[in-house]
Amino acid sequence: MSTPREELHALIDELSDKAAADLLPELRLLKMQTEARTLRAPSSRPWPPAWFGSVDGTPSDFTKHIDEILSAEFGRDSK
């Protein structure tokens, strides 16, 4: 059995010049996407973050008191 690289080379060798030219832009894009995935560093930060879930209340509490919450945070009257 051949390696994937050998099989890929064999498939490319079987392509016509036109088919190879049509496939080339897609292969370049695939190569760039693969390189981007390998260069992207895995996150060392834990999930969820420490502050996640640190606010007491339910979503309905937030919507009922949104003006008060925002005015307290930004230091201005909500009206």
C-alpha atoms as a PDB file:
ATOM      1  CA  MET A   1       0.000   0.000   0.000  1.00  0.00           C
ATOM      2  CA  SER A   2       1.254   3.457  -0.816  1.00  0.00           C
ATOM      3  CA  THR A   3       1.500   6.421   1.469  1.00  0.00           C
ATOM      4  CA  PRO A   4      -1.027   9.233   1.014  1.00  0.00           C
ATOM      5  CA  ARG A   5       1.695  11.424  -0.487  1.00  0.00           C
ATOM      6  CA  GLU A   6       2.619   8.763  -3.057  1.00  0.00           C
ATOM      7  CA  GLU A   7      -1.036   8.255  -3.929  1.00  0.00           C
ATOM      8  CA  LEU A   8      -1.525  12.001  -4.318  1.00  0.00           C
ATOM      9  CA  HIS A   9       1.492  12.239  -6.633  1.00  0.00           C
ATOM     10  CA  ALA A  10       0.157   9.346  -8.722  1.00  0.00           C
ATOM     11  CA  LEU A  11      -3.263  10.969  -9.036  1.00  0.00           C
ATOM     12  CA  ILE A  12      -1.728  14.282 -10.056  1.00  0.00           C
ATOM     13  CA  ASP A  13       0.474  12.548 -12.628  1.00  0.00           C
ATOM     14  CA  GLU A  14      -2.665  11.043 -14.194  1.00  0.00           C
ATOM     15  CA  LEU A  15      -4.353  14.455 -14.621  1.00  0.00           C
ATOM     16  CA  SER A  16      -4.376  16.251 -17.933  1.00  0.00           C
ATOM     17  CA  ASP A  17      -2.619  19.618 -18.061  1.00  0.00           C
ATOM     18  CA  LYS A  18      -5.981  21.419 -18.159  1.00  0.00           C
ATOM     19  CA  ALA A  19      -7.350  19.447 -15.197  1.00  0.00           C
ATOM     20  CA  ALA A  20      -4.171  20.167 -13.241  1.00  0.00           C
ATOM     21  CA  ALA A  21      -4.472  23.878 -14.021  1.00  0.00           C
ATOM     22  CA  ASP A  22      -8.129  23.879 -12.925  1.00  0.00           C
ATOM     23  CA  LEU A  23      -7.269  22.092  -9.674  1.00  0.00           C
ATOM     24  CA  LEU A  24      -4.241  24.202  -8.778  1.00  0.00           C
ATOM     25  CA  PRO A  25      -6.109  27.195  -7.192  1.00  0.00           C
ATOM     26  CA  GLU A  26      -8.126  24.840  -4.994  1.00  0.00           C
ATOM     27  CA  LEU A  27      -4.996  23.002  -3.888  1.00  0.00           C
ATOM     28  CA  ARG A  28      -3.295  26.299  -3.039  1.00  0.00           C
ATOM     29  CA  LEU A  29      -6.305  27.316  -0.939  1.00  0.00           C
ATOM     30  CA  LEU A  30      -6.330  23.958   0.825  1.00  0.00           C
ATOM     31  CA  LYS A  31      -2.611  24.310   1.572  1.00  0.00           C
ATOM     32  CA  MET A  32      -3.116  27.820   3.001  1.00  0.00           C
ATOM     33  CA  GLN A  33      -6.020  26.645   5.189  1.00  0.00           C
ATOM     34  CA  THR A  34      -3.976  23.709   6.478  1.00  0.00           C
ATOM     35  CA  GLU A  35      -1.027  25.964   7.293  1.00  0.00           C
ATOM     36  CA  ALA A  36      -3.303  28.439   9.080  1.00  0.00           C
ATOM     37  CA  ARG A  37      -4.726  25.665  11.263  1.00  0.00           C
ATOM     38  CA  THR A  38      -1.261  24.430  12.232  1.00  0.00           C
ATOM     39  CA  LEU A  39       0.020  27.938  12.978  1.00  0.00           C
ATOM     40  CA  ARG A  40      -2.958  28.796  15.171  1.00  0.00           C
ATOM     41  CA  ALA A  41      -1.781  28.214  18.723  1.00  0.00           C
ATOM     42  CA  PRO A  42      -4.057  26.129  20.895  1.00  0.00           C
ATOM     43  CA  SER A  43      -5.641  28.184  23.634  1.00  0.00           C
ATOM     44  CA  SER A  44      -3.927  27.780  26.977  1.00  0.00           C
ATOM     45  CA  ARG A  45      -6.781  29.512  28.747  1.00  0.00           C
ATOM     46  CA  PRO A  46      -9.320  27.245  30.434  1.00  0.00           C
ATOM     47  CA  TRP A  47     -12.950  27.275  29.396  1.00  0.00           C
ATOM     48  CA  PRO A  48     -15.146  28.504  30.851  1.00  0.00           C
ATOM     49  CA  PRO A  49     -13.224  31.499  32.168  1.00  0.00           C
ATOM     50  CA  ALA A  50     -13.147  32.112  35.926  1.00  0.00           C
ATOM     51  CA  TRP A  51     -15.694  34.943  35.719  1.00  0.00           C
ATOM     52  CA  PHE A  52     -18.208  32.813  33.810  1.00  0.00           C
ATOM     53  CA  GLY A  53     -21.465  32.570  35.751  1.00  0.00           C
ATOM     54  CA  SER A  54     -20.327  35.097  38.340  1.00  0.00           C
ATOM     55  CA  VAL A  55     -23.473  37.241  38.062  1.00  0.00           C
ATOM     56  CA  ASP A  56     -26.431  36.285  40.193  1.00  0.00           C
ATOM     57  CA  GLY A  57     -29.872  36.429  38.697  1.00  0.00           C
ATOM     58  CA  THR A  58     -31.831  35.157  35.759  1.00  0.00           C
ATOM     59  CA  PRO A  59     -32.130  36.637  32.271  1.00  0.00           C
ATOM     60  CA  SER A  60     -35.556  38.063  33.147  1.00  0.00           C
ATOM     61  CA  ASP A  61     -33.961  39.911  36.100  1.00  0.00           C
ATOM     62  CA  PHE A  62     -31.464  41.475  33.716  1.00  0.00           C
ATOM     63  CA  THR A  63     -34.106  42.630  31.269  1.00  0.00           C
ATOM     64  CA  LYS A  64     -36.297  44.120  33.983  1.00  0.00           C
ATOM     65  CA  HIS A  65     -33.405  46.086  35.467  1.00  0.00           C
ATOM     66  CA  ILE A  66     -31.267  46.788  32.414  1.00  0.00           C
ATOM     67  CA  ASP A  67     -31.468  50.569  32.796  1.00  0.00           C
ATOM     68  CA  GLU A  68     -30.350  50.363  36.415  1.00  0.00           C
ATOM     69  CA  ILE A  69     -27.526  47.975  35.562  1.00  0.00           C
ATOM     70  CA  LEU A  70     -26.271  50.142  32.708  1.00  0.00           C
ATOM     71  CA  SER A  71     -26.536  53.396  34.637  1.00  0.00           C
ATOM     72  CA  ALA A  72     -24.601  51.896  37.557  1.00  0.00           C
ATOM     73  CA  GLU A  73     -21.886  50.690  35.206  1.00  0.00           C
ATOM     74  CA  PHE A  74     -21.560  53.866  33.181  1.00  0.00           C
ATOM     75  CA  GLY A  75     -22.258  56.296  36.037  1.00  0.00           C
ATOM     76  CA  ARG A  76     -25.123  58.173  34.418  1.00  0.00           C
ATOM     77  CA  ASP A  77     -28.853  58.301  34.900  1.00  0.00           C
ATOM     78  CA  SER A  78     -30.762  55.956  32.592  1.00  0.00           C
ATOM     79  CA  LYS A  79     -33.572  58.505  32.057  1.00  0.00           C
END
